């Protein structure tokens, strides 16, 4: 999900042609590789059985520090969708607005994941993320499928030749696709020639922001009402100090603080581990190569675009970057 805002129109025919030239290069690269090429030799995959209670499943996400995990219906031998931190944020907002925390826990302690889709419809207008792809699909096909939604990852699902049931092979995210491209694309010179401004990458205007004294529950309300996943945190002069993201909710859950969401952003950010990546900024004059380098090395999900005074003017999400590279 991207920060709410108005996308800047492109800067003339030259910007359009530059963007198309780069998109042709990137799209050709993505068509030459399949999702199977992205599956590492050794990796950990968390799969949640749909008979699990929602509270147990969410606890699994929290304890493993992951933002999403596929669900599997063992009775039907089929992939059943994805549980994400966005679902957690939406549930928190719903229950805090309508019930007490203890009532919410009592409710969720009785709900299994196989009823999760019905539960989601109580507090958001869309279905569970059931997006998936075959491992042999090209990265180009997978990228277009992701960009047609506001999801940042999907499950790779194959067929068991013996039973005909689904086999969840892995997960594939926009981050991993961009990382793979940044490392393996041959013509890196073109990535260095084009700036964010040239390529019209990012979302600008009407940014949703907050200050350090705002409560966490108010930030969660901003997430839900504006369909965003991060809020820049500013000082009294409007300068970017930090960001508060959905991943911070996972940290609060791990600390057992979901019943204390009236604490300030400042208090919540103090709970981050020392190696937390924090806020990363860029300017519109930064090249696509430098942006991809930051994303790859720092494992960030978005960059805050700032002006010369370090005041926010926009945001570059991973989906913005990938969209600019797809014809």
C-alpha atoms as a PDB file:
ATOM      1  CA  UNK A   1       0.000   0.000   0.000  1.00  0.00           C
ATOM      2  CA  UNK A   2       1.224   3.470  -0.802  1.00  0.00           C
ATOM      3  CA  UNK A   3       0.914   6.684   1.148  1.00  0.00           C
ATOM      4  CA  UNK A   4      -2.183   8.608   0.106  1.00  0.00           C
ATOM      5  CA  UNK A   5      -1.396  11.327  -2.367  1.00  0.00           C
ATOM      6  CA  UNK A   6      -1.722  12.682  -5.870  1.00  0.00           C
ATOM      7  CA  UNK A   7       0.652  11.331  -8.467  1.00  0.00           C
ATOM      8  CA  UNK A   8       2.642  14.004 -10.301  1.00  0.00           C
ATOM      9  CA  UNK A   9       2.080  14.114 -14.052  1.00  0.00           C
ATOM     10  CA  UNK A  10       5.046  13.264 -16.251  1.00  0.00           C
ATOM     11  CA  UNK A  11       7.330  16.010 -17.427  1.00  0.00           C
ATOM     12  CA  UNK A  12       6.802  15.949 -21.180  1.00  0.00           C
ATOM     13  CA  UNK A  13       7.571  13.600 -24.022  1.00  0.00           C
ATOM     14  CA  UNK A  14      11.252  13.194 -23.063  1.00  0.00           C
ATOM     15  CA  UNK A  15      10.307  11.763 -19.653  1.00  0.00           C
ATOM     16  CA  UNK A  16       7.818   9.416 -21.288  1.00  0.00           C
ATOM     17  CA  UNK A  17      10.401   8.167 -23.779  1.00  0.00           C
ATOM     18  CA  UNK A  18      13.037   7.711 -21.061  1.00  0.00           C
ATOM     19  CA  UNK A  19      10.626   5.727 -18.958  1.00  0.00           C
ATOM     20  CA  UNK A  20       9.586   3.565 -21.921  1.00  0.00           C
ATOM     21  CA  UNK A  21      13.195   2.849 -22.889  1.00  0.00           C
ATOM     22  CA  UNK A  22      14.027   1.673 -19.388  1.00  0.00           C
ATOM     23  CA  UNK A  23      10.764  -0.288 -19.089  1.00  0.00           C
ATOM     24  CA  UNK A  24      11.572  -2.143 -22.313  1.00  0.00           C
ATOM     25  CA  UNK A  25      14.947  -3.171 -20.890  1.00  0.00           C
ATOM     26  CA  UNK A  26      13.511  -4.245 -17.534  1.00  0.00           C
ATOM     27  CA  UNK A  27      10.465  -5.998 -19.008  1.00  0.00           C
ATOM     28  CA  UNK A  28      12.682  -8.003 -21.374  1.00  0.00           C
ATOM     29  CA  UNK A  29      14.809  -9.059 -18.387  1.00  0.00           C
ATOM     30  CA  UNK A  30      11.755 -10.106 -16.363  1.00  0.00           C
ATOM     31  CA  UNK A  31      10.396 -12.153 -19.268  1.00  0.00           C
ATOM     32  CA  UNK A  32      13.638 -14.154 -19.394  1.00  0.00           C
ATOM     33  CA  UNK A  33      13.326 -15.394 -15.811  1.00  0.00           C
ATOM     34  CA  UNK A  34      10.676 -17.442 -14.036  1.00  0.00           C
ATOM     35  CA  UNK A  35       9.498 -17.274 -10.444  1.00  0.00           C
ATOM     36  CA  UNK A  36      11.309 -20.588  -9.992  1.00  0.00           C
ATOM     37  CA  UNK A  37      14.612 -18.731 -10.487  1.00  0.00           C
ATOM     38  CA  UNK A  38      13.808 -16.751  -7.343  1.00  0.00           C
ATOM     39  CA  UNK A  39      13.429 -19.736  -5.030  1.00  0.00           C
ATOM     40  CA  UNK A  40      16.548 -19.937  -2.816  1.00  0.00           C
ATOM     41  CA  UNK A  41      18.377 -23.218  -2.243  1.00  0.00           C
ATOM     42  CA  UNK A  42      17.665 -23.037   1.477  1.00  0.00           C
ATOM     43  CA  UNK A  43      14.883 -21.014   3.078  1.00  0.00           C
ATOM     44  CA  UNK A  44      12.224 -21.042   5.787  1.00  0.00           C
ATOM     45  CA  UNK A  45       8.563 -21.044   4.829  1.00  0.00           C
ATOM     46  CA  UNK A  46       5.836 -20.625   7.434  1.00  0.00           C
ATOM     47  CA  UNK A  47       2.491 -22.132   6.365  1.00  0.00           C
ATOM     48  CA  UNK A  48      -0.600 -21.742   8.558  1.00  0.00           C
ATOM     49  CA  UNK A  49      -3.227 -24.472   8.654  1.00  0.00           C
ATOM     50  CA  UNK A  50      -6.722 -23.012   8.357  1.00  0.00           C
ATOM     51  CA  UNK A  51      -7.777 -24.977  11.464  1.00  0.00           C
ATOM     52  CA  UNK A  52      -5.522 -22.750  13.577  1.00  0.00           C
ATOM     53  CA  UNK A  53      -7.201 -20.164  15.783  1.00  0.00           C
ATOM     54  CA  UNK A  54      -6.735 -16.610  14.535  1.00  0.00           C
ATOM     55  CA  UNK A  55      -4.931 -15.626  17.750  1.00  0.00           C
ATOM     56  CA  UNK A  56      -2.480 -18.537  17.358  1.00  0.00           C
ATOM     57  CA  UNK A  57      -1.850 -17.673  13.714  1.00  0.00           C
ATOM     58  CA  UNK A  58      -1.218 -14.001  14.488  1.00  0.00           C
ATOM     59  CA  UNK A  59       1.082 -15.049  17.320  1.00  0.00           C
ATOM     60  CA  UNK A  60       3.052 -17.129  14.813  1.00  0.00           C
ATOM     61  CA  UNK A  61       3.539 -14.061  12.600  1.00  0.00           C
ATOM     62  CA  UNK A  62       4.629 -11.987  15.573  1.00  0.00           C
ATOM     63  CA  UNK A  63       7.024 -14.539  17.067  1.00  0.00           C
ATOM     64  CA  UNK A  64       8.705 -15.153  13.714  1.00  0.00           C
ATOM     65  CA  UNK A  65       8.889 -11.483  12.789  1.00  0.00           C
ATOM     66  CA  UNK A  66       7.245 -11.976   9.387  1.00  0.00           C
ATOM     67  CA  UNK A  67       4.670  -9.702   7.754  1.00  0.00           C
ATOM     68  CA  UNK A  68       2.715 -12.398   5.915  1.00  0.00           C
ATOM     69  CA  UNK A  69       2.271 -16.159   5.683  1.00  0.00           C
ATOM     70  CA  UNK A  70       0.231 -18.410   3.365  1.00  0.00           C
ATOM     71  CA  UNK A  71      -2.745 -20.362   4.697  1.00  0.00           C
ATOM     72  CA  UNK A  72      -3.413 -23.974   3.696  1.00  0.00           C
ATOM     73  CA  UNK A  73      -6.692 -25.895   3.898  1.00  0.00           C
ATOM     74  CA  UNK A  74      -5.529 -29.425   4.728  1.00  0.00           C
ATOM     75  CA  UNK A  75      -9.035 -30.897   4.356  1.00  0.00           C
ATOM     76  CA  UNK A  76      -9.321 -29.665   0.763  1.00  0.00           C
ATOM     77  CA  UNK A  77      -5.557 -29.804   0.035  1.00  0.00           C
ATOM     78  CA  UNK A  78      -5.598 -26.280  -1.328  1.00  0.00           C
ATOM     79  CA  UNK A  79      -4.030 -22.870  -0.849  1.00  0.00           C
ATOM     80  CA  UNK A  80      -6.448 -20.627   1.046  1.00  0.00           C
ATOM     81  CA  UNK A  81      -4.921 -17.156   0.968  1.00  0.00           C
ATOM     82  CA  UNK A  82      -2.494 -15.045   2.975  1.00  0.00           C
ATOM     83  CA  UNK A  83      -2.526 -13.752   6.535  1.00  0.00           C
ATOM     84  CA  UNK A  84      -0.774 -10.370   6.731  1.00  0.00           C
ATOM     85  CA  UNK A  85       0.142  -7.654   9.202  1.00  0.00           C
ATOM     86  CA  UNK A  86      -2.341  -5.423   7.361  1.00  0.00           C
ATOM     87  CA  UNK A  87      -5.065  -7.817   8.500  1.00  0.00           C
ATOM     88  CA  UNK A  88      -3.778  -7.433  12.058  1.00  0.00           C
ATOM     89  CA  UNK A  89      -3.895  -3.633  11.796  1.00  0.00           C
ATOM     90  CA  UNK A  90      -7.450  -3.727  10.425  1.00  0.00           C
ATOM     91  CA  UNK A  91      -8.574  -6.089  13.189  1.00  0.00           C
ATOM     92  CA  UNK A  92      -7.047  -3.874  15.870  1.00  0.00           C
ATOM     93  CA  UNK A  93      -8.850  -0.827  14.482  1.00  0.00           C
ATOM     94  CA  UNK A  94     -12.151  -2.694  14.237  1.00  0.00           C
ATOM     95  CA  UNK A  95     -12.063  -4.111  17.751  1.00  0.00           C
ATOM     96  CA  UNK A  96     -10.742  -0.959  19.401  1.00  0.00           C
ATOM     97  CA  UNK A  97     -13.566   1.002  17.808  1.00  0.00           C
ATOM     98  CA  UNK A  98     -16.347  -1.447  18.683  1.00  0.00           C
ATOM     99  CA  UNK A  99     -15.253  -3.562  21.668  1.00  0.00           C
ATOM    100  CA  UNK A 100     -12.803  -3.714  24.541  1.00  0.00           C
ATOM    101  CA  UNK A 101      -9.435  -5.431  24.141  1.00  0.00           C
ATOM    102  CA  UNK A 102     -10.483  -8.334  26.387  1.00  0.00           C
ATOM    103  CA  UNK A 103     -13.668  -8.843  24.339  1.00  0.00           C
ATOM    104  CA  UNK A 104     -11.592  -8.843  21.157  1.00  0.00           C
ATOM    105  CA  UNK A 105      -9.231 -11.516  22.456  1.00  0.00           C
ATOM    106  CA  UNK A 106     -12.139 -13.641  23.694  1.00  0.00           C
ATOM    107  CA  UNK A 107     -13.756 -13.351  20.253  1.00  0.00           C
ATOM    108  CA  UNK A 108     -10.615 -14.153  18.269  1.00  0.00           C
ATOM    109  CA  UNK A 109      -9.787 -17.060  20.589  1.00  0.00           C
ATOM    110  CA  UNK A 110     -12.844 -18.821  19.166  1.00  0.00           C
ATOM    111  CA  UNK A 111     -12.317 -18.116  15.455  1.00  0.00           C
ATOM    112  CA  UNK A 112     -10.355 -20.411  13.171  1.00  0.00           C
ATOM    113  CA  UNK A 113      -8.562 -19.244  10.046  1.00  0.00           C
ATOM    114  CA  UNK A 114     -11.031 -21.115   7.845  1.00  0.00           C
ATOM    115  CA  UNK A 115     -13.593 -18.521   8.979  1.00  0.00           C
ATOM    116  CA  UNK A 116     -11.106 -15.710   8.588  1.00  0.00           C
ATOM    117  CA  UNK A 117     -12.494 -14.456   5.280  1.00  0.00           C
ATOM    118  CA  UNK A 118     -15.908 -13.924   6.860  1.00  0.00           C
ATOM    119  CA  UNK A 119     -14.244 -12.172   9.791  1.00  0.00           C
ATOM    120  CA  UNK A 120     -12.352  -9.811   7.480  1.00  0.00           C
ATOM    121  CA  UNK A 121     -15.554  -8.640   5.847  1.00  0.00           C
ATOM    122  CA  UNK A 122     -16.621  -7.174   9.176  1.00  0.00           C
ATOM    123  CA  UNK A 123     -13.925  -4.547   9.111  1.00  0.00           C
ATOM    124  CA  UNK A 124     -12.668  -4.097   5.565  1.00  0.00           C
ATOM    125  CA  UNK A 125     -14.177  -4.034   2.130  1.00  0.00           C
ATOM    126  CA  UNK A 126     -11.920  -6.521   0.378  1.00  0.00           C
ATOM    127  CA  UNK A 127     -11.339 -10.247   0.553  1.00  0.00           C
ATOM    128  CA  UNK A 128      -8.288 -12.026   1.914  1.00  0.00           C
ATOM    129  CA  UNK A 129      -5.222 -11.914  -0.321  1.00  0.00           C
ATOM    130  CA  UNK A 130      -5.610 -15.129  -2.347  1.00  0.00           C
ATOM    131  CA  UNK A 131      -3.162 -14.017  -5.042  1.00  0.00           C
ATOM    132  CA  UNK A 132      -0.842 -16.770  -6.239  1.00  0.00           C
ATOM    133  CA  UNK A 133       1.329 -17.806  -9.179  1.00  0.00           C
ATOM    134  CA  UNK A 134       2.878 -20.956 -10.580  1.00  0.00           C
ATOM    135  CA  UNK A 135       6.659 -21.240 -10.068  1.00  0.00           C
ATOM    136  CA  UNK A 136       7.080 -21.495 -13.858  1.00  0.00           C
ATOM    137  CA  UNK A 137       5.334 -18.167 -14.509  1.00  0.00           C
ATOM    138  CA  UNK A 138       7.709 -15.463 -15.699  1.00  0.00           C
ATOM    139  CA  UNK A 139       8.701 -12.660 -13.337  1.00  0.00           C
ATOM    140  CA  UNK A 140       7.032 -10.331 -15.806  1.00  0.00           C
ATOM    141  CA  UNK A 141       3.696 -12.153 -15.374  1.00  0.00           C
ATOM    142  CA  UNK A 142       4.106 -12.211 -11.591  1.00  0.00           C
ATOM    143  CA  UNK A 143       4.976  -8.501 -11.512  1.00  0.00           C
ATOM    144  CA  UNK A 144       1.918  -7.528 -13.522  1.00  0.00           C
ATOM    145  CA  UNK A 145      -0.257  -9.668 -11.257  1.00  0.00           C
ATOM    146  CA  UNK A 146       1.094  -7.939  -8.146  1.00  0.00           C
ATOM    147  CA  UNK A 147       0.752  -4.462  -9.628  1.00  0.00           C
ATOM    148  CA  UNK A 148      -2.891  -5.138 -10.507  1.00  0.00           C
ATOM    149  CA  UNK A 149      -3.546  -5.288  -6.741  1.00  0.00           C
ATOM    150  CA  UNK A 150      -2.195  -3.415  -3.724  1.00  0.00           C
ATOM    151  CA  UNK A 151      -0.464  -6.512  -2.358  1.00  0.00           C
ATOM    152  CA  UNK A 152       3.308  -6.630  -1.992  1.00  0.00           C
ATOM    153  CA  UNK A 153       3.697 -10.429  -2.097  1.00  0.00           C
ATOM    154  CA  UNK A 154       2.029 -13.578  -3.366  1.00  0.00           C
ATOM    155  CA  UNK A 155       2.323 -17.324  -2.854  1.00  0.00           C
ATOM    156  CA  UNK A 156       3.956 -19.641  -5.382  1.00  0.00           C
ATOM    157  CA  UNK A 157       1.646 -22.645  -5.651  1.00  0.00           C
ATOM    158  CA  UNK A 158       2.284 -25.818  -7.659  1.00  0.00           C
ATOM    159  CA  UNK A 159       0.263 -29.013  -8.114  1.00  0.00           C
ATOM    160  CA  UNK A 160       1.047 -32.316  -6.424  1.00  0.00           C
ATOM    161  CA  UNK A 161       1.154 -34.731  -9.369  1.00  0.00           C
ATOM    162  CA  UNK A 162       0.139 -37.666  -7.154  1.00  0.00           C
ATOM    163  CA  UNK A 163      -2.863 -36.133  -5.382  1.00  0.00           C
ATOM    164  CA  UNK A 164      -3.781 -33.151  -7.560  1.00  0.00           C
ATOM    165  CA  UNK A 165      -3.726 -30.948  -4.470  1.00  0.00           C
ATOM    166  CA  UNK A 166      -1.927 -27.645  -4.049  1.00  0.00           C
ATOM    167  CA  UNK A 167       1.667 -27.448  -2.859  1.00  0.00           C
ATOM    168  CA  UNK A 168       2.801 -24.086  -1.459  1.00  0.00           C
ATOM    169  CA  UNK A 169       6.358 -23.832  -2.754  1.00  0.00           C
ATOM    170  CA  UNK A 170       7.436 -20.383  -1.594  1.00  0.00           C
ATOM    171  CA  UNK A 171       6.454 -16.724  -1.428  1.00  0.00           C
ATOM    172  CA  UNK A 172       7.553 -13.984  -3.810  1.00  0.00           C
ATOM    173  CA  UNK A 173       7.551 -10.280  -2.975  1.00  0.00           C
ATOM    174  CA  UNK A 174       8.078  -7.079  -4.942  1.00  0.00           C
ATOM    175  CA  UNK A 175      11.172  -6.513  -2.802  1.00  0.00           C
ATOM    176  CA  UNK A 176      12.748  -9.786  -3.960  1.00  0.00           C
ATOM    177  CA  UNK A 177      11.925  -9.095  -7.614  1.00  0.00           C
ATOM    178  CA  UNK A 178      13.552  -5.649  -7.474  1.00  0.00           C
ATOM    179  CA  UNK A 179      16.545  -7.029  -5.590  1.00  0.00           C
ATOM    180  CA  UNK A 180      17.010  -9.781  -8.186  1.00  0.00           C
ATOM    181  CA  UNK A 181      16.789  -7.253 -10.998  1.00  0.00           C
ATOM    182  CA  UNK A 182      19.201  -4.788  -9.381  1.00  0.00           C
ATOM    183  CA  UNK A 183      21.831  -7.497  -8.967  1.00  0.00           C
ATOM    184  CA  UNK A 184      21.435  -9.364 -12.260  1.00  0.00           C
ATOM    185  CA  UNK A 185      20.373  -6.897 -14.954  1.00  0.00           C
ATOM    186  CA  UNK A 186      23.318  -6.364 -17.318  1.00  0.00           C
ATOM    187  CA  UNK A 187      22.865  -2.779 -18.445  1.00  0.00           C
ATOM    188  CA  UNK A 188      23.173  -0.967 -15.106  1.00  0.00           C
ATOM    189  CA  UNK A 189      24.293   2.155 -16.947  1.00  0.00           C
ATOM    190  CA  UNK A 190      20.697   2.961 -17.874  1.00  0.00           C
ATOM    191  CA  UNK A 191      19.682   2.660 -14.224  1.00  0.00           C
ATOM    192  CA  UNK A 192      22.282   5.287 -13.400  1.00  0.00           C
ATOM    193  CA  UNK A 193      21.170   7.661 -16.170  1.00  0.00           C
ATOM    194  CA  UNK A 194      17.589   8.172 -14.995  1.00  0.00           C
ATOM    195  CA  UNK A 195      16.417  10.032 -11.898  1.00  0.00           C
ATOM    196  CA  UNK A 196      13.161   9.622 -10.018  1.00  0.00           C
ATOM    197  CA  UNK A 197      12.058  12.928 -11.555  1.00  0.00           C
ATOM    198  CA  UNK A 198      12.900  11.736 -15.088  1.00  0.00           C
ATOM    199  CA  UNK A 199      10.908   8.554 -14.610  1.00  0.00           C
ATOM    200  CA  UNK A 200       8.042  10.148 -12.655  1.00  0.00           C
ATOM    201  CA  UNK A 201       8.425   7.631  -9.840  1.00  0.00           C
ATOM    202  CA  UNK A 202       6.667   8.247  -6.533  1.00  0.00           C
ATOM    203  CA  UNK A 203       3.496   9.582  -4.966  1.00  0.00           C
ATOM    204  CA  UNK A 204       3.417  13.287  -4.158  1.00  0.00           C
ATOM    205  CA  UNK A 205       1.153  15.741  -2.354  1.00  0.00           C
ATOM    206  CA  UNK A 206      -1.368  15.434   0.499  1.00  0.00           C
ATOM    207  CA  UNK A 207       0.909  13.228   2.590  1.00  0.00           C
ATOM    208  CA  UNK A 208      -0.494  11.853   5.829  1.00  0.00           C
ATOM    209  CA  UNK A 209       1.998  12.735   8.601  1.00  0.00           C
ATOM    210  CA  UNK A 210       2.169  12.795  12.396  1.00  0.00           C
ATOM    211  CA  UNK A 211       4.354  13.949  15.284  1.00  0.00           C
ATOM    212  CA  UNK A 212       6.032  12.035  18.096  1.00  0.00           C
ATOM    213  CA  UNK A 213       3.270  12.787  20.602  1.00  0.00           C
ATOM    214  CA  UNK A 214       0.463  11.234  18.528  1.00  0.00           C
ATOM    215  CA  UNK A 215      -0.896   7.977  19.952  1.00  0.00           C
ATOM    216  CA  UNK A 216      -0.313   4.634  18.256  1.00  0.00           C
ATOM    217  CA  UNK A 217      -4.042   3.942  17.980  1.00  0.00           C
ATOM    218  CA  UNK A 218      -4.426   7.229  16.065  1.00  0.00           C
ATOM    219  CA  UNK A 219      -1.667   6.101  13.670  1.00  0.00           C
ATOM    220  CA  UNK A 220      -3.472   2.792  13.170  1.00  0.00           C
ATOM    221  CA  UNK A 221      -6.625   4.758  12.384  1.00  0.00           C
ATOM    222  CA  UNK A 222      -4.639   6.682   9.751  1.00  0.00           C
ATOM    223  CA  UNK A 223      -3.467   3.391   8.247  1.00  0.00           C
ATOM    224  CA  UNK A 224      -6.982   2.019   7.948  1.00  0.00           C
ATOM    225  CA  UNK A 225      -8.838   5.160   6.856  1.00  0.00           C
ATOM    226  CA  UNK A 226      -6.271   6.127   4.206  1.00  0.00           C
ATOM    227  CA  UNK A 227      -5.262   2.635   3.053  1.00  0.00           C
ATOM    228  CA  UNK A 228      -1.584   3.281   3.801  1.00  0.00           C
ATOM    229  CA  UNK A 229       1.137   1.323   5.578  1.00  0.00           C
ATOM    230  CA  UNK A 230       3.526   4.029   6.786  1.00  0.00           C
ATOM    231  CA  UNK A 231       3.255   7.525   8.268  1.00  0.00           C
ATOM    232  CA  UNK A 232       6.233   9.957   8.298  1.00  0.00           C
ATOM    233  CA  UNK A 233       6.925  11.380  11.762  1.00  0.00           C
ATOM    234  CA  UNK A 234       7.867  15.085  11.740  1.00  0.00           C
ATOM    235  CA  UNK A 235       9.239  17.587  14.240  1.00  0.00           C
ATOM    236  CA  UNK A 236       7.600  20.947  14.970  1.00  0.00           C
ATOM    237  CA  UNK A 237       9.280  22.439  11.890  1.00  0.00           C
ATOM    238  CA  UNK A 238       7.982  19.778   9.542  1.00  0.00           C
ATOM    239  CA  UNK A 239      11.337  18.009   9.204  1.00  0.00           C
ATOM    240  CA  UNK A 240      11.323  14.203   8.873  1.00  0.00           C
ATOM    241  CA  UNK A 241      12.467  12.528  12.088  1.00  0.00           C
ATOM    242  CA  UNK A 242      11.290   8.967  11.541  1.00  0.00           C
ATOM    243  CA  UNK A 243       8.475   6.830  10.175  1.00  0.00           C
ATOM    244  CA  UNK A 244       5.895   4.626  11.862  1.00  0.00           C
ATOM    245  CA  UNK A 245       5.056   1.524   9.818  1.00  0.00           C
ATOM    246  CA  UNK A 246       2.825  -1.527  10.075  1.00  0.00           C
ATOM    247  CA  UNK A 247       5.897  -3.537  11.070  1.00  0.00           C
ATOM    248  CA  UNK A 248       6.020  -1.480  14.281  1.00  0.00           C
ATOM    249  CA  UNK A 249       2.657  -3.010  15.230  1.00  0.00           C
ATOM    250  CA  UNK A 250       4.347  -6.413  15.118  1.00  0.00           C
ATOM    251  CA  UNK A 251       6.957  -5.150  17.600  1.00  0.00           C
ATOM    252  CA  UNK A 252       4.208  -3.928  19.935  1.00  0.00           C
ATOM    253  CA  UNK A 253       2.438  -7.271  19.661  1.00  0.00           C
ATOM    254  CA  UNK A 254       5.678  -9.071  20.499  1.00  0.00           C
ATOM    255  CA  UNK A 255       6.001  -6.909  23.623  1.00  0.00           C
ATOM    256  CA  UNK A 256       2.420  -7.718  24.622  1.00  0.00           C
ATOM    257  CA  UNK A 257       1.303  -4.109  24.271  1.00  0.00           C
ATOM    258  CA  UNK A 258      -1.746  -4.458  22.042  1.00  0.00           C
ATOM    259  CA  UNK A 259      -3.876  -3.426  25.017  1.00  0.00           C
ATOM    260  CA  UNK A 260      -1.835  -0.242  25.499  1.00  0.00           C
ATOM    261  CA  UNK A 261      -2.101   1.453  22.127  1.00  0.00           C
ATOM    262  CA  UNK A 262      -2.714   4.858  23.670  1.00  0.00           C
ATOM    263  CA  UNK A 263       1.045   5.174  24.165  1.00  0.00           C
ATOM    264  CA  UNK A 264       2.773   7.805  22.029  1.00  0.00           C
ATOM    265  CA  UNK A 265       4.697   7.169  18.833  1.00  0.00           C
ATOM    266  CA  UNK A 266       7.845   8.217  20.694  1.00  0.00           C
ATOM    267  CA  UNK A 267       7.332   5.473  23.289  1.00  0.00           C
ATOM    268  CA  UNK A 268       6.559   2.892  20.613  1.00  0.00           C
ATOM    269  CA  UNK A 269       9.631   3.709  18.524  1.00  0.00           C
ATOM    270  CA  UNK A 270      11.828   3.301  21.604  1.00  0.00           C
ATOM    271  CA  UNK A 271      10.938  -0.420  21.551  1.00  0.00           C
ATOM    272  CA  UNK A 272      12.653  -0.993  18.209  1.00  0.00           C
ATOM    273  CA  UNK A 273      15.790  -3.168  18.255  1.00  0.00           C
ATOM    274  CA  UNK A 274      19.154  -1.488  17.721  1.00  0.00           C
ATOM    275  CA  UNK A 275      19.470  -2.902  14.194  1.00  0.00           C
ATOM    276  CA  UNK A 276      16.070  -1.607  13.015  1.00  0.00           C
ATOM    277  CA  UNK A 277      16.553   0.017   9.572  1.00  0.00           C
ATOM    278  CA  UNK A 278      14.666   3.179  10.554  1.00  0.00           C
ATOM    279  CA  UNK A 279      13.815   5.963   8.111  1.00  0.00           C
ATOM    280  CA  UNK A 280      15.508   6.285   4.726  1.00  0.00           C
ATOM    281  CA  UNK A 281      15.094   9.322   2.525  1.00  0.00           C
ATOM    282  CA  UNK A 282      15.890  10.311  -1.031  1.00  0.00           C
ATOM    283  CA  UNK A 283      15.343  13.257  -3.369  1.00  0.00           C
ATOM    284  CA  UNK A 284      13.784  13.424  -6.801  1.00  0.00           C
ATOM    285  CA  UNK A 285      17.258  13.966  -8.274  1.00  0.00           C
ATOM    286  CA  UNK A 286      18.477  10.569  -7.023  1.00  0.00           C
ATOM    287  CA  UNK A 287      18.995   7.977  -9.742  1.00  0.00           C
ATOM    288  CA  UNK A 288      17.015   4.774  -9.984  1.00  0.00           C
ATOM    289  CA  UNK A 289      20.289   2.884  -9.468  1.00  0.00           C
ATOM    290  CA  UNK A 290      20.967   4.624  -6.139  1.00  0.00           C
ATOM    291  CA  UNK A 291      17.386   4.041  -4.959  1.00  0.00           C
ATOM    292  CA  UNK A 292      17.563   0.333  -5.834  1.00  0.00           C
ATOM    293  CA  UNK A 293      20.915   0.150  -4.045  1.00  0.00           C
ATOM    294  CA  UNK A 294      19.412   1.561  -0.830  1.00  0.00           C
ATOM    295  CA  UNK A 295      16.402  -0.762  -1.076  1.00  0.00           C
ATOM    296  CA  UNK A 296      18.650  -3.795  -1.604  1.00  0.00           C
ATOM    297  CA  UNK A 297      21.258  -3.039   1.063  1.00  0.00           C
ATOM    298  CA  UNK A 298      18.978  -1.658   3.769  1.00  0.00           C
ATOM    299  CA  UNK A 299      15.984  -3.992   3.188  1.00  0.00           C
ATOM    300  CA  UNK A 300      13.577  -1.035   3.225  1.00  0.00           C
ATOM    301  CA  UNK A 301      10.027  -1.158   1.863  1.00  0.00           C
ATOM    302  CA  UNK A 302       9.780   2.501   0.900  1.00  0.00           C
ATOM    303  CA  UNK A 303      11.736   5.779   0.841  1.00  0.00           C
ATOM    304  CA  UNK A 304      10.480   9.176   1.981  1.00  0.00           C
ATOM    305  CA  UNK A 305      11.154  11.811  -0.684  1.00  0.00           C
ATOM    306  CA  UNK A 306      12.392  15.060   0.893  1.00  0.00           C
ATOM    307  CA  UNK A 307      13.288  18.544  -0.307  1.00  0.00           C
ATOM    308  CA  UNK A 308      16.468  20.499   0.499  1.00  0.00           C
ATOM    309  CA  UNK A 309      15.119  21.265   3.989  1.00  0.00           C
ATOM    310  CA  UNK A 310      14.478  17.556   4.752  1.00  0.00           C
ATOM    311  CA  UNK A 311      10.742  18.151   4.621  1.00  0.00           C
ATOM    312  CA  UNK A 312       8.633  15.387   3.075  1.00  0.00           C
ATOM    313  CA  UNK A 313       7.249  15.942  -0.400  1.00  0.00           C
ATOM    314  CA  UNK A 314       6.375  12.371  -1.339  1.00  0.00           C
ATOM    315  CA  UNK A 315       7.080   8.702  -0.952  1.00  0.00           C
ATOM    316  CA  UNK A 316       8.584   6.034  -3.188  1.00  0.00           C
ATOM    317  CA  UNK A 317       7.108   2.598  -2.503  1.00  0.00           C
ATOM    318  CA  UNK A 318       8.501  -0.587  -4.003  1.00  0.00           C
ATOM    319  CA  UNK A 319       5.390  -0.888  -6.155  1.00  0.00           C
ATOM    320  CA  UNK A 320       6.100   2.586  -7.613  1.00  0.00           C
ATOM    321  CA  UNK A 321       9.556   1.457  -8.697  1.00  0.00           C
ATOM    322  CA  UNK A 322       8.364  -1.834 -10.186  1.00  0.00           C
ATOM    323  CA  UNK A 323       5.490  -0.108 -12.008  1.00  0.00           C
ATOM    324  CA  UNK A 324       7.978   2.220 -13.711  1.00  0.00           C
ATOM    325  CA  UNK A 325       9.893  -0.818 -14.989  1.00  0.00           C
ATOM    326  CA  UNK A 326       6.938  -2.647 -16.529  1.00  0.00           C
ATOM    327  CA  UNK A 327       5.493  -2.081 -19.991  1.00  0.00           C
END
